[in-house]
Amino acid sequence: MTKFDKSKLPSRYVTEGPARAPHRSYYYAMGMTETEIHQPLVGVATCWNEAAPCNIALNRQAQAVKGGVKEAHGSPREFTTITVTDGIAMGHEGMRSSLASREAIADTVELTMRGHCYDALVGLAGCDKSLPGMMMAMVRLNVPSVFIYGGSILPGKAPEVNEIPEEFRNRDLTVQDMFEAVGWHQNDQMSDKALDMLERVACPSAGACGGQFTANTMACVSEAIGLALMNSSGMPAPYESRDQYAEASGRAVMTLLEKNIRARDVVTLQSLQNAARVVACTGGSTNAGLHLPAIAHEAGIDFFLEDVCEIFRDTPYFVDLKPGGQYVAKDLYDAGGIPVVMKELRKAGLIHEDCITASGRSIGEELDLIEREADGRVIYPIEKPITKTGGVVGLKGNLAPQGAIVKVAGIAPEHQVFTGPARVFECEEDAFEAVKARQYKEGEVIVIRNEGPAGGPGMREMLSTTAALSGQGMGKKVALITDGRFSGATRGFCVGHVGPEAAHGGPIALIQTGDVVTIDAIKGELSVDLSDEELAKRKENWAGPRETIYATGAIWKFAKLVGETYKGAVTHPGGKAERHVYMDL
């Protein structure tokens, strides 16, 4: 009845033999035919919800995926999981749920797949944490898997009225502009009426934030790493022509199942390196330095922050995307998308071509099919890059022994070294209130601590604070460091992921207001002008981790389980500790 041998697939436990008659009765109850019951069962997982525009187009695309699975003689079983959307969670206690949601997504997809014995997985996601969470589940389960991004939002346009500052009228708008508009408003440079007009037009459609922020960065990763079909991530969410990629993904997963090509055949050390290249050359989000190690961890591969940053160091930055550049995701798609970007990387010998992809073809074979070339506007030729090194840089030093990360895309080299006295804040709220009240000075290094994965808890992003600084015109006049994270929409000289975090007694817990901090993105250093002896003395007198209000529940659980930032802030032992393979049980 099927060309697949069910005796070797997990779904045999719920569909085959007399003992499974009760199980089959449930499938008949849902309108499945005998043929459908005895075909492979394919999980179609979506993060659809009404939390934000990033997710609302996923349900439509899932139906197209199911059509593709059916066409290729599989039986799709749709299910949903959560999303916490950073744009909504930003700047308040809700952001503590964000990174924990990545783990919850991976966990719930794993549990659903295991509980119902599905044979393969197509995952659809549209938000900063749902993309890596879905890919982590694929690699953890090691089933034949295809990933699909829900697509980006269309850019907004400001009305041509005098109330709105000219700077906002002359560019495509994204949610980043709204966060920065708050800074303008606080600075009395924008009226209530202008802010009201902007918020109504900045985000005009379904889809994830339009710049090279975290969602689009991880969408680019999904193609570069091989889990998504080439060019599937580029088309904006409202385009119903996206559905052809969804349908093709449904058919592709059945081909992978037939050939027994599993997620870890796709996600290898070399494909992770390809993904890091694409993040660097597009000026992608620093959060990739958290999510790539986490995806690697699921496969039992050591690929830490330092390894990611090493690739960033020698990768040219040649794709001109917001927030450091001019263009949005739709413009990148119109210019040919990630396939053209990877084609440029290949010209410089910076891509591992033998890596297998979701199509069953290698990266090299896929790139051989691409006829378009760099347009010189959005995608520069690699021999004439915007800058010669990547848009994201790793840092180390006595203030960050385990490393830190900074996005330098769009920052001139002369602004990539900063020395100044620290102004220390114990949490983001304190820093935001001080910035709002202008209680800081030009030339200072703003330090926000106790915002790491365990100490926050939740490793919040700092977009509200950084956007306020930019809105006040101070983005280049101060620097900011934190053991928390920055939104992919952050611009300015902002260092995140400082490790060890304050809650673990890292040096960031020990510095005081007035200590002189140096950030050198050219040399890759982050240091404080204190001797080892002085730091040791302060460590002896350290009062211990700051108490939080989270003494129970999911965020408490996350804080107890989460590991070091440089390893991806993961919550379980990973692929190295496995004693079985789900597909082979």
Protein backbone atom coordinates (compact mmCIF):
# COMPACT_ATOMS: atom_id res chain seq x y z
CA MET A 1 0.00 0.00 0.00
CA THR A 2 3.04 2.29 0.36
CA LYS A 3 6.50 2.31 -1.17
CA PHE A 4 7.93 2.83 2.33
CA ASP A 5 8.85 -0.09 4.56
CA LYS A 6 6.90 0.69 7.72
CA SER A 7 8.67 -2.07 9.63
CA LYS A 8 11.65 0.29 9.96
CA LEU A 9 9.78 3.51 10.76
CA PRO A 10 8.65 4.81 14.19
CA SER A 11 5.01 5.07 13.08
CA ARG A 12 4.76 1.25 12.95
CA TYR A 13 4.16 1.46 16.71
CA VAL A 14 0.84 3.27 16.16
CA THR A 15 -0.42 1.90 12.82
CA GLU A 16 0.73 -1.69 12.22
CA GLY A 17 -0.56 -5.06 13.47
CA PRO A 18 -3.65 -6.28 15.36
CA ALA A 19 -2.47 -4.79 18.68
CA ARG A 20 -2.70 -1.29 17.18
CA ALA A 21 -6.41 -1.51 16.30
CA PRO A 22 -7.29 0.98 19.10
CA HIS A 23 -4.72 3.42 17.76
CA ARG A 24 -6.02 3.06 14.20
CA SER A 25 -9.55 3.70 15.42
CA TYR A 26 -8.43 7.20 16.42
CA TYR A 27 -7.05 7.83 12.94
CA TYR A 28 -10.30 6.67 11.35
CA ALA A 29 -12.09 9.03 13.74
CA MET A 30 -10.15 11.92 12.14
CA GLY A 31 -11.25 10.94 8.62
CA MET A 32 -8.07 9.17 7.53
CA THR A 33 -8.34 6.37 5.00
CA GLU A 34 -6.74 2.94 5.36
CA THR A 35 -4.11 3.94 2.83
CA GLU A 36 -3.28 7.14 4.72
CA ILE A 37 -2.96 5.30 8.02
CA HIS A 38 -0.40 2.90 6.59
CA GLN A 39 1.67 5.60 4.92
CA PRO A 40 4.52 7.35 6.80
CA LEU A 41 3.24 9.88 9.34
CA VAL A 42 4.88 13.30 8.91
CA GLY A 43 4.72 15.89 11.67
CA VAL A 44 3.95 19.36 10.32
CA ALA A 45 4.86 21.62 13.23
CA THR A 46 4.00 25.31 13.24
CA CYS A 47 4.44 28.13 15.70
CA TRP A 48 1.21 29.74 14.51
CA ASN A 49 -0.46 32.11 16.94
CA GLU A 50 -1.98 35.58 17.21
CA ALA A 51 0.84 37.01 19.31
CA ALA A 52 2.42 39.00 16.49
CA PRO A 53 2.55 39.38 12.68
CA CYS A 54 5.56 37.05 12.51
CA ASN A 55 3.34 34.03 13.08
CA ILE A 56 -0.05 34.67 11.51
CA ALA A 57 0.88 33.45 8.01
CA LEU A 58 2.23 30.09 9.23
CA ASN A 59 -1.11 28.30 9.30
CA ARG A 60 -1.77 29.06 5.63
CA GLN A 61 1.66 27.80 4.62
CA ALA A 62 1.24 24.64 6.69
CA GLN A 63 -1.73 23.66 4.52
CA ALA A 64 0.51 23.88 1.45
CA VAL A 65 3.12 21.72 3.19
CA LYS A 66 0.46 19.10 3.89
CA GLY A 67 -0.51 19.10 0.23
CA GLY A 68 3.09 18.40 -0.74
CA VAL A 69 3.39 15.55 1.78
CA LYS A 70 0.16 13.98 0.51
CA GLU A 71 1.26 14.30 -3.09
CA ALA A 72 4.41 12.31 -2.22
CA HIS A 73 2.42 9.52 -0.48
CA GLY A 74 2.88 10.64 3.10
CA SER A 75 0.25 11.42 5.76
CA PRO A 76 0.76 14.88 7.31
CA ARG A 77 -0.20 15.42 10.95
CA GLU A 78 -0.29 19.09 11.83
CA PHE A 79 0.44 20.33 15.34
CA THR A 80 1.35 23.66 16.90
CA THR A 81 3.72 24.86 19.57
CA ILE A 82 4.32 28.15 21.35
CA THR A 83 6.12 31.33 20.38
CA VAL A 84 7.25 34.25 22.49
CA THR A 85 7.62 37.20 20.15
CA ASP A 86 10.45 39.52 21.11
CA GLY A 87 8.91 42.63 19.58
CA ILE A 88 5.99 42.27 22.00
CA ALA A 89 8.10 40.96 24.91
CA MET A 90 10.74 43.71 24.57
CA GLY A 91 11.50 46.16 27.35
CA HIS A 92 9.60 44.55 30.24
CA GLU A 93 9.38 41.36 32.30
CA GLY A 94 7.96 39.43 29.33
CA MET A 95 11.42 39.32 27.74
CA ARG A 96 12.51 36.84 30.42
CA SER A 97 10.30 34.29 28.68
CA SER A 98 12.00 34.72 25.32
CA LEU A 99 15.12 32.55 25.46
CA ALA A 100 13.33 30.00 27.65
CA SER A 101 10.75 29.70 24.86
CA ARG A 102 13.44 28.42 22.48
CA GLU A 103 13.94 25.44 24.79
CA ALA A 104 10.19 24.98 25.24
CA ILE A 105 9.69 24.90 21.47
CA ALA A 106 12.41 22.29 20.97
CA ASP A 107 11.08 20.26 23.91
CA THR A 108 7.41 20.33 22.85
CA VAL A 109 8.18 19.44 19.23
CA GLU A 110 10.35 16.56 20.46
CA LEU A 111 7.64 15.32 22.83
CA THR A 112 4.90 15.52 20.19
CA MET A 113 7.00 13.65 17.64
CA ARG A 114 8.01 10.97 20.15
CA GLY A 115 4.56 10.60 21.68
CA HIS A 116 2.88 9.97 18.33
CA CYS A 117 5.78 8.17 16.61
CA TYR A 118 6.00 10.46 13.59
CA ASP A 119 8.53 9.50 10.94
CA ALA A 120 9.65 12.88 9.62
CA LEU A 121 9.23 16.57 10.38
CA VAL A 122 8.48 19.75 8.48
CA GLY A 123 8.76 22.75 10.80
CA LEU A 124 7.41 26.25 10.15
CA ALA A 125 8.53 29.19 12.28
CA GLY A 126 8.62 32.96 12.07
CA CYS A 127 10.11 34.47 15.26
CA ASP A 128 13.56 35.02 16.74
CA LYS A 129 13.49 32.00 19.08
CA SER A 130 11.05 29.79 17.19
CA LEU A 131 13.45 29.42 14.24
CA PRO A 132 16.40 28.04 16.25
CA GLY A 133 14.02 26.14 18.56
CA MET A 134 12.46 24.32 15.60
CA MET A 135 15.86 23.54 14.06
CA MET A 136 17.12 22.29 17.44
CA ALA A 137 14.18 19.86 17.61
CA MET A 138 14.99 18.53 14.14
CA VAL A 139 18.63 17.89 15.02
CA ARG A 140 17.76 16.47 18.46
CA LEU A 141 15.32 13.96 16.98
CA ASN A 142 17.56 13.31 13.96
CA VAL A 143 14.60 12.55 11.71
CA PRO A 144 14.32 13.51 8.01
CA SER A 145 13.51 17.21 8.36
CA VAL A 146 12.77 20.31 6.31
CA PHE A 147 12.53 23.79 7.80
CA ILE A 148 10.42 26.64 6.41
CA TYR A 149 10.55 30.29 7.45
CA GLY A 150 7.19 32.04 7.52
CA GLY A 151 8.64 35.02 5.64
CA SER A 152 9.43 38.63 6.43
CA ILE A 153 7.11 41.58 6.85
CA LEU A 154 6.78 44.18 4.10
CA PRO A 155 8.49 47.52 4.84
CA GLY A 156 6.39 50.41 6.10
CA LYS A 157 6.23 53.93 4.67
CA ALA A 158 5.68 57.14 6.60
CA PRO A 159 3.12 59.63 5.31
CA GLU A 160 4.55 62.78 3.73
CA VAL A 161 3.54 65.17 6.50
CA ASN A 162 5.65 67.78 8.25
CA GLU A 163 4.94 66.43 11.75
CA ILE A 164 7.07 63.36 11.00
CA PRO A 165 10.83 64.06 10.95
CA GLU A 166 12.32 63.85 7.47
CA GLU A 167 14.69 61.05 8.54
CA PHE A 168 11.69 58.73 9.03
CA ARG A 169 10.01 59.79 5.79
CA ASN A 170 13.04 58.98 3.65
CA ARG A 171 13.43 55.28 4.44
CA ASP A 172 11.67 51.96 4.60
CA LEU A 173 10.30 51.50 8.09
CA THR A 174 10.68 48.50 10.39
CA VAL A 175 9.85 47.93 14.05
CA GLN A 176 13.41 49.13 14.82
CA ASP A 177 12.33 52.61 13.69
CA MET A 178 9.47 52.51 16.17
CA PHE A 179 11.81 51.71 19.06
CA GLU A 180 14.08 54.54 17.92
CA ALA A 181 11.10 56.87 17.49
CA VAL A 182 10.44 56.41 21.22
CA GLY A 183 13.91 57.87 21.83
CA TRP A 184 13.13 60.82 19.54
CA HIS A 185 9.86 61.35 21.41
CA GLN A 186 11.61 61.26 24.80
CA ASN A 187 14.08 63.78 23.40
CA ASP A 188 11.22 66.13 22.39
CA GLN A 189 12.16 65.71 18.72
CA MET A 190 8.89 63.99 17.81
CA SER A 191 5.33 64.87 18.78
CA ASP A 192 2.67 62.55 20.17
CA LYS A 193 0.83 62.90 16.86
CA ALA A 194 3.88 61.93 14.78
CA LEU A 195 4.56 58.88 16.97
CA ASP A 196 0.90 57.88 16.61
CA MET A 197 1.09 58.17 12.80
CA LEU A 198 4.29 56.14 12.60
CA GLU A 199 3.05 53.27 14.75
CA ARG A 200 0.10 52.81 12.39
CA VAL A 201 2.24 52.38 9.25
CA ALA A 202 5.58 50.89 10.36
CA CYS A 203 4.46 47.26 10.19
CA PRO A 204 1.98 46.90 7.32
CA SER A 205 1.63 43.12 6.89
CA ALA A 206 2.13 39.62 8.21
CA GLY A 207 5.73 38.49 8.60
CA ALA A 208 8.79 38.79 10.81
CA CYS A 209 10.73 42.03 11.36
CA GLY A 210 12.13 43.14 8.02
CA GLY A 211 15.79 43.99 8.65
CA GLN A 212 18.65 41.56 9.18
CA PHE A 213 17.48 41.14 12.73
CA THR A 214 17.41 37.76 14.51
CA ALA A 215 14.49 36.17 12.66
CA ASN A 216 15.83 36.94 9.19
CA THR A 217 19.36 36.07 10.30
CA MET A 218 18.22 32.62 11.43
CA ALA A 219 16.12 32.26 8.26
CA CYS A 220 19.32 32.79 6.26
CA VAL A 221 20.98 30.22 8.54
CA SER A 222 18.25 27.67 7.72
CA GLU A 223 19.19 27.81 4.03
CA ALA A 224 22.95 27.99 4.58
CA ILE A 225 22.93 25.08 7.02
CA GLY A 226 20.89 23.01 4.57
CA LEU A 227 17.68 22.40 6.55
CA ALA A 228 15.59 24.66 4.26
CA LEU A 229 15.20 24.54 0.51
CA MET A 230 17.31 27.12 -1.32
CA ASN A 231 15.62 30.54 -1.65
CA SER A 232 12.67 29.43 0.50
CA SER A 233 13.34 32.00 3.22
CA GLY A 234 13.43 35.15 1.11
CA MET A 235 9.91 35.80 -0.12
CA PRO A 236 7.80 38.07 2.17
CA ALA A 237 5.09 36.39 4.24
CA PRO A 238 2.07 37.97 2.47
CA TYR A 239 3.11 36.57 -0.92
CA GLU A 240 0.93 33.54 -1.48
CA SER A 241 3.53 32.45 -4.01
CA ARG A 242 5.52 31.42 -0.89
CA ASP A 243 3.19 28.44 -0.76
CA GLN A 244 4.99 26.79 -3.67
CA TYR A 245 8.06 26.51 -1.40
CA ALA A 246 5.88 25.08 1.36
CA GLU A 247 4.44 22.48 -1.00
CA ALA A 248 7.92 21.66 -2.33
CA SER A 249 9.14 21.26 1.27
CA GLY A 250 6.40 18.70 1.91
CA ARG A 251 7.50 16.72 -1.11
CA ALA A 252 11.18 17.13 -0.19
CA VAL A 253 10.76 15.63 3.28
CA MET A 254 9.30 12.48 1.70
CA THR A 255 12.34 12.20 -0.58
CA LEU A 256 14.62 12.55 2.46
CA LEU A 257 12.62 9.82 4.23
CA GLU A 258 12.90 7.55 1.22
CA LYS A 259 16.68 8.08 1.07
CA ASN A 260 17.03 7.98 4.89
CA ILE A 261 18.73 11.39 4.94
CA ARG A 262 18.35 12.66 8.48
CA ALA A 263 18.84 16.06 10.13
CA ARG A 264 22.37 15.26 11.34
CA ASP A 265 23.41 14.19 7.86
CA VAL A 266 22.61 17.81 6.96
CA VAL A 267 23.78 19.64 10.10
CA THR A 268 27.51 18.98 10.39
CA LEU A 269 30.47 21.04 11.56
CA GLN A 270 31.02 22.16 7.97
CA SER A 271 27.39 23.21 7.44
CA LEU A 272 27.48 25.14 10.73
CA GLN A 273 30.55 26.94 9.43
CA ASN A 274 28.67 27.75 6.21
CA ALA A 275 25.85 29.20 8.30
CA ALA A 276 28.25 31.37 10.32
CA ARG A 277 29.73 32.70 7.06
CA VAL A 278 26.29 33.81 5.90
CA VAL A 279 25.57 35.53 9.22
CA ALA A 280 28.86 37.42 8.98
CA CYS A 281 28.60 38.56 5.38
CA THR A 282 25.02 39.80 5.84
CA GLY A 283 25.78 41.70 9.07
CA GLY A 284 23.41 39.39 10.90
CA SER A 285 22.26 39.35 14.50
CA THR A 286 24.68 38.67 17.35
CA ASN A 287 22.09 36.15 18.56
CA ALA A 288 23.45 33.74 15.95
CA GLY A 289 26.40 33.42 18.34
CA LEU A 290 23.95 31.91 20.82
CA HIS A 291 21.78 29.83 18.50
CA LEU A 292 24.43 28.18 16.27
CA PRO A 293 26.21 26.63 19.29
CA ALA A 294 22.80 25.47 20.59
CA ILE A 295 21.93 23.75 17.29
CA ALA A 296 25.41 22.18 17.22
CA HIS A 297 24.91 20.95 20.81
CA GLU A 298 21.88 18.92 19.73
CA ALA A 299 24.11 17.01 17.30
CA GLY A 300 26.89 16.57 19.86
CA ILE A 301 29.16 18.97 17.95
CA ASP A 302 31.40 21.44 19.80
CA PHE A 303 30.85 24.71 17.97
CA PHE A 304 31.06 27.45 20.55
CA LEU A 305 30.90 31.27 20.47
CA GLU A 306 34.65 31.49 19.85
CA ASP A 307 34.38 29.14 16.85
CA VAL A 308 31.55 31.23 15.42
CA CYS A 309 33.53 34.44 15.93
CA GLU A 310 36.64 32.97 14.31
CA ILE A 311 34.61 32.58 11.11
CA PHE A 312 33.18 36.07 11.50
CA ARG A 313 36.74 37.43 11.74
CA ASP A 314 37.79 36.45 8.23
CA THR A 315 34.49 36.75 6.34
CA PRO A 316 33.91 39.90 4.23
CA TYR A 317 30.74 41.89 4.96
CA PHE A 318 29.10 42.53 1.60
CA VAL A 319 25.29 42.49 1.99
CA ASP A 320 23.86 45.94 2.84
CA LEU A 321 20.98 45.22 5.21
CA LYS A 322 19.40 47.06 8.14
CA PRO A 323 20.09 47.80 10.92
CA GLY A 324 23.71 48.60 9.93
CA GLY A 325 22.87 49.15 6.27
CA GLN A 326 20.06 50.41 4.06
CA TYR A 327 17.92 47.52 2.84
CA VAL A 328 15.33 45.07 4.18
CA ALA A 329 14.67 41.36 3.65
CA LYS A 330 12.37 41.94 0.69
CA ASP A 331 15.21 43.80 -1.09
CA LEU A 332 17.55 40.86 -0.49
CA TYR A 333 14.94 38.51 -1.95
CA ASP A 334 14.50 40.78 -4.99
CA ALA A 335 18.29 40.73 -5.49
CA GLY A 336 18.40 36.93 -5.58
CA GLY A 337 18.49 36.02 -1.90
CA ILE A 338 20.81 33.73 0.01
CA PRO A 339 21.67 31.57 -3.04
CA VAL A 340 23.35 34.59 -4.68
CA VAL A 341 25.05 35.47 -1.38
CA MET A 342 26.44 31.92 -1.05
CA LYS A 343 27.50 31.98 -4.68
CA GLU A 344 29.65 35.03 -3.88
CA LEU A 345 31.12 33.26 -0.83
CA ARG A 346 31.95 30.30 -3.05
CA LYS A 347 33.93 32.54 -5.39
CA ALA A 348 36.25 33.31 -2.48
CA GLY A 349 36.46 29.64 -1.42
CA LEU A 350 34.52 30.35 1.79
CA ILE A 351 31.81 27.68 1.43
CA HIS A 352 31.97 23.93 2.06
CA GLU A 353 30.27 22.71 -1.11
CA ASP A 354 29.88 19.03 -0.23
CA CYS A 355 27.30 19.59 2.53
CA ILE A 356 23.99 17.88 1.79
CA THR A 357 20.78 19.96 1.84
CA ALA A 358 17.04 19.42 2.28
CA SER A 359 16.69 18.89 -1.47
CA GLY A 360 18.98 15.86 -1.31
CA ARG A 361 21.52 17.77 -3.42
CA SER A 362 24.78 19.25 -2.11
CA ILE A 363 25.34 22.98 -1.58
CA GLY A 364 27.68 22.96 -4.59
CA GLU A 365 25.05 21.32 -6.80
CA GLU A 366 22.44 23.82 -5.62
CA LEU A 367 24.72 26.79 -6.33
CA ASP A 368 25.48 25.43 -9.80
CA LEU A 369 21.79 25.98 -10.59
CA ILE A 370 21.88 29.69 -9.63
CA GLU A 371 22.22 31.98 -12.65
CA ARG A 372 21.86 35.39 -10.99
CA GLU A 373 24.85 37.47 -9.89
CA ALA A 374 25.40 40.09 -7.19
CA ASP A 375 23.51 43.30 -8.05
CA GLY A 376 26.14 45.61 -6.53
CA ARG A 377 23.47 47.46 -4.56
CA VAL A 378 22.07 45.08 -1.95
CA ILE A 379 24.59 42.28 -2.55
CA TYR A 380 28.06 43.63 -3.33
CA PRO A 381 30.56 41.49 -5.26
CA ILE A 382 32.73 39.72 -2.69
CA GLU A 383 35.90 41.19 -4.20
CA LYS A 384 34.48 44.68 -3.44
CA PRO A 385 32.89 44.20 0.01
CA ILE A 386 31.50 46.90 2.28
CA THR A 387 34.20 45.92 4.79
CA LYS A 388 36.83 43.20 4.63
CA THR A 389 35.78 41.47 7.84
CA GLY A 390 32.42 40.23 9.07
CA GLY A 391 29.65 42.42 10.43
CA VAL A 392 29.86 40.64 13.81
CA VAL A 393 33.02 40.36 15.94
CA GLY A 394 34.01 38.24 18.94
CA LEU A 395 35.79 39.77 21.93
CA LYS A 396 37.81 38.33 24.82
CA GLY A 397 39.78 39.74 27.71
CA ASN A 398 39.87 40.11 31.47
CA LEU A 399 36.29 41.41 31.43
CA ALA A 400 35.05 38.50 29.30
CA PRO A 401 37.25 35.40 29.78
CA GLN A 402 34.60 33.22 28.06
CA GLY A 403 34.05 35.77 25.32
CA ALA A 404 31.52 38.37 24.18
CA ILE A 405 30.12 39.50 20.85
CA VAL A 406 29.52 42.83 19.11
CA LYS A 407 27.86 43.79 15.81
CA VAL A 408 30.06 46.23 13.87
CA ALA A 409 28.11 46.26 10.58
CA GLY A 410 27.65 49.90 9.63
CA ILE A 411 30.19 51.15 12.22
CA ALA A 412 33.25 52.88 10.76
CA PRO A 413 36.62 51.38 11.84
CA GLU A 414 37.53 54.56 13.77
CA HIS A 415 34.45 54.00 15.94
CA GLN A 416 35.27 50.33 16.64
CA VAL A 417 37.61 51.14 19.54
CA PHE A 418 36.11 52.75 22.64
CA THR A 419 37.62 53.51 26.04
CA GLY A 420 35.71 55.17 28.83
CA PRO A 421 34.63 55.03 32.47
CA ALA A 422 31.99 52.47 33.34
CA ARG A 423 28.54 53.46 34.53
CA VAL A 424 27.17 50.30 36.14
CA PHE A 425 23.50 49.32 36.33
CA GLU A 426 22.19 46.22 38.10
CA CYS A 427 19.39 45.54 35.57
CA GLU A 428 17.94 46.82 32.31
CA GLU A 429 15.12 48.80 33.91
CA ASP A 430 17.60 50.91 35.90
CA ALA A 431 19.63 51.56 32.75
CA PHE A 432 16.57 52.48 30.69
CA GLU A 433 15.31 54.94 33.31
CA ALA A 434 18.76 56.57 33.48
CA VAL A 435 18.97 56.83 29.70
CA LYS A 436 15.45 58.27 29.52
CA ALA A 437 16.41 60.89 32.13
CA ARG A 438 19.79 61.52 30.44
CA GLN A 439 21.61 60.46 33.62
CA TYR A 440 24.75 59.40 31.78
CA LYS A 441 27.59 61.20 30.04
CA GLU A 442 29.07 61.14 26.59
CA GLY A 443 32.15 58.90 26.49
CA GLU A 444 30.90 56.47 29.14
CA VAL A 445 30.57 52.70 28.87
CA ILE A 446 27.12 51.74 30.14
CA VAL A 447 27.29 48.36 31.89
CA ILE A 448 24.07 46.37 32.38
CA ARG A 449 24.64 43.23 34.45
CA ASN A 450 22.55 40.49 36.06
CA GLU A 451 20.80 39.95 32.72
CA GLY A 452 22.47 36.64 31.75
CA PRO A 453 20.62 33.35 31.14
CA ALA A 454 20.69 32.31 34.82
CA GLY A 455 20.98 35.69 36.52
CA GLY A 456 18.33 37.59 34.59
CA PRO A 457 16.87 35.09 34.49
CA GLY A 458 16.26 34.66 30.78
CA MET A 459 19.03 36.71 29.11
CA ARG A 460 16.85 39.58 28.00
CA GLU A 461 17.48 41.72 24.95
CA MET A 462 18.21 45.41 25.43
CA LEU A 463 16.56 47.01 22.39
CA SER A 464 14.55 49.55 24.37
CA THR A 465 17.72 50.97 25.95
CA THR A 466 19.87 50.91 22.81
CA ALA A 467 17.08 52.33 20.66
CA ALA A 468 16.56 55.15 23.16
CA LEU A 469 20.28 55.97 22.97
CA SER A 470 20.11 56.00 19.17
CA GLY A 471 16.98 58.13 19.27
CA GLN A 472 18.83 60.62 21.50
CA GLY A 473 21.65 60.76 18.95
CA MET A 474 24.09 59.11 21.38
CA GLY A 475 24.57 55.79 19.58
CA LYS A 476 28.17 56.61 18.66
CA LYS A 477 28.97 58.68 21.75
CA VAL A 478 28.57 55.95 24.37
CA ALA A 479 29.17 52.19 24.37
CA LEU A 480 27.17 49.52 26.15
CA ILE A 481 28.12 46.09 27.50
CA THR A 482 25.94 43.41 29.10
CA ASP A 483 25.83 39.76 30.07
CA GLY A 484 22.39 39.83 28.47
CA ARG A 485 21.63 40.02 24.74
CA PHE A 486 20.86 42.59 22.12
CA SER A 487 18.07 42.48 19.62
CA GLY A 488 19.13 41.88 16.05
CA ALA A 489 17.66 45.36 15.47
CA THR A 490 20.21 46.99 17.77
CA ARG A 491 22.66 49.45 16.30
CA GLY A 492 25.47 51.34 17.97
CA PHE A 493 28.54 49.98 19.76
CA CYS A 494 26.85 47.36 21.93
CA VAL A 495 28.59 44.30 23.38
CA GLY A 496 26.51 41.33 24.54
CA HIS A 497 26.91 37.75 25.79
CA VAL A 498 29.69 38.75 28.23
CA GLY A 499 30.77 35.55 29.96
CA PRO A 500 30.91 34.33 32.62
CA GLU A 501 27.74 36.19 33.49
CA ALA A 502 27.40 38.19 36.71
CA ALA A 503 25.33 35.49 38.43
CA HIS A 504 28.24 33.08 37.96
CA GLY A 505 30.73 35.53 39.46
CA GLY A 506 32.21 36.69 36.17
CA PRO A 507 34.31 39.88 36.11
CA ILE A 508 31.25 41.87 34.93
CA ALA A 509 29.87 41.28 38.46
CA LEU A 510 32.95 42.89 40.00
CA ILE A 511 33.45 46.15 38.11
CA GLN A 512 32.34 49.45 39.59
CA THR A 513 31.21 52.79 38.22
CA GLY A 514 34.33 54.70 37.19
CA ASP A 515 36.46 51.67 36.25
CA VAL A 516 37.95 52.26 32.80
CA VAL A 517 36.69 49.80 30.17
CA THR A 518 38.18 49.29 26.70
CA ILE A 519 36.28 47.70 23.81
CA ASP A 520 38.52 47.00 20.81
CA ALA A 521 36.60 45.35 17.96
CA ILE A 522 39.67 45.62 15.70
CA LYS A 523 41.82 43.44 18.00
CA GLY A 524 38.88 41.53 19.47
CA GLU A 525 39.46 42.61 23.08
CA LEU A 526 37.20 43.54 26.01
CA SER A 527 39.07 44.61 29.11
CA VAL A 528 38.85 46.64 32.29
CA ASP A 529 41.83 48.56 33.65
CA LEU A 530 42.15 46.44 36.79
CA SER A 531 44.92 44.05 37.83
CA ASP A 532 44.30 40.35 38.35
CA GLU A 533 45.00 40.97 42.05
CA GLU A 534 42.33 43.66 42.30
CA LEU A 535 39.76 41.48 40.50
CA ALA A 536 40.60 38.55 42.83
CA LYS A 537 40.20 40.79 45.87
CA ARG A 538 36.81 41.99 44.65
CA LYS A 539 35.76 38.41 43.97
CA GLU A 540 36.51 37.51 47.60
CA ASN A 541 34.25 40.35 48.75
CA TRP A 542 31.50 39.62 46.20
CA ALA A 543 28.12 39.25 47.89
CA GLY A 544 26.96 36.52 45.45
CA PRO A 545 24.26 36.42 42.78
CA ARG A 546 21.52 39.03 42.85
CA GLU A 547 18.23 37.59 44.08
CA THR A 548 15.41 37.51 41.56
CA ILE A 549 11.64 37.34 42.02
CA TYR A 550 11.48 34.06 40.09
CA ALA A 551 11.38 31.33 42.74
CA THR A 552 9.12 28.88 40.90
CA GLY A 553 7.68 28.11 37.48
CA ALA A 554 9.12 27.82 34.00
CA ILE A 555 11.58 30.73 34.26
CA TRP A 556 12.94 29.40 37.57
CA LYS A 557 13.36 25.98 35.95
CA PHE A 558 15.19 27.53 32.99
CA ALA A 559 17.53 29.47 35.32
CA LYS A 560 18.37 26.27 37.22
CA LEU A 561 19.11 24.23 34.10
CA VAL A 562 20.71 26.73 31.73
CA GLY A 563 24.41 26.48 30.93
CA GLU A 564 27.07 28.95 29.85
CA THR A 565 26.30 31.53 27.20
CA TYR A 566 29.31 30.66 25.02
CA LYS A 567 27.99 27.10 24.66
CA GLY A 568 24.57 28.33 23.53
CA ALA A 569 22.72 28.66 26.88
CA VAL A 570 21.34 25.14 26.57
CA THR A 571 19.42 23.15 29.17
CA HIS A 572 20.26 19.48 28.61
CA PRO A 573 23.38 17.36 27.93
CA GLY A 574 22.88 17.23 24.16
CA GLY A 575 23.86 14.78 21.45
CA LYS A 576 27.07 13.65 23.14
CA ALA A 577 25.11 12.06 25.99
CA GLU A 578 22.62 10.12 23.86
CA ARG A 579 22.05 6.41 24.45
CA HIS A 580 19.57 5.82 21.63
CA VAL A 581 18.45 7.19 18.27
CA TYR A 582 14.72 7.98 18.17
CA MET A 583 14.33 6.82 14.54
CA ASP A 584 15.86 3.44 15.35
CA LEU A 585 13.85 2.56 18.46
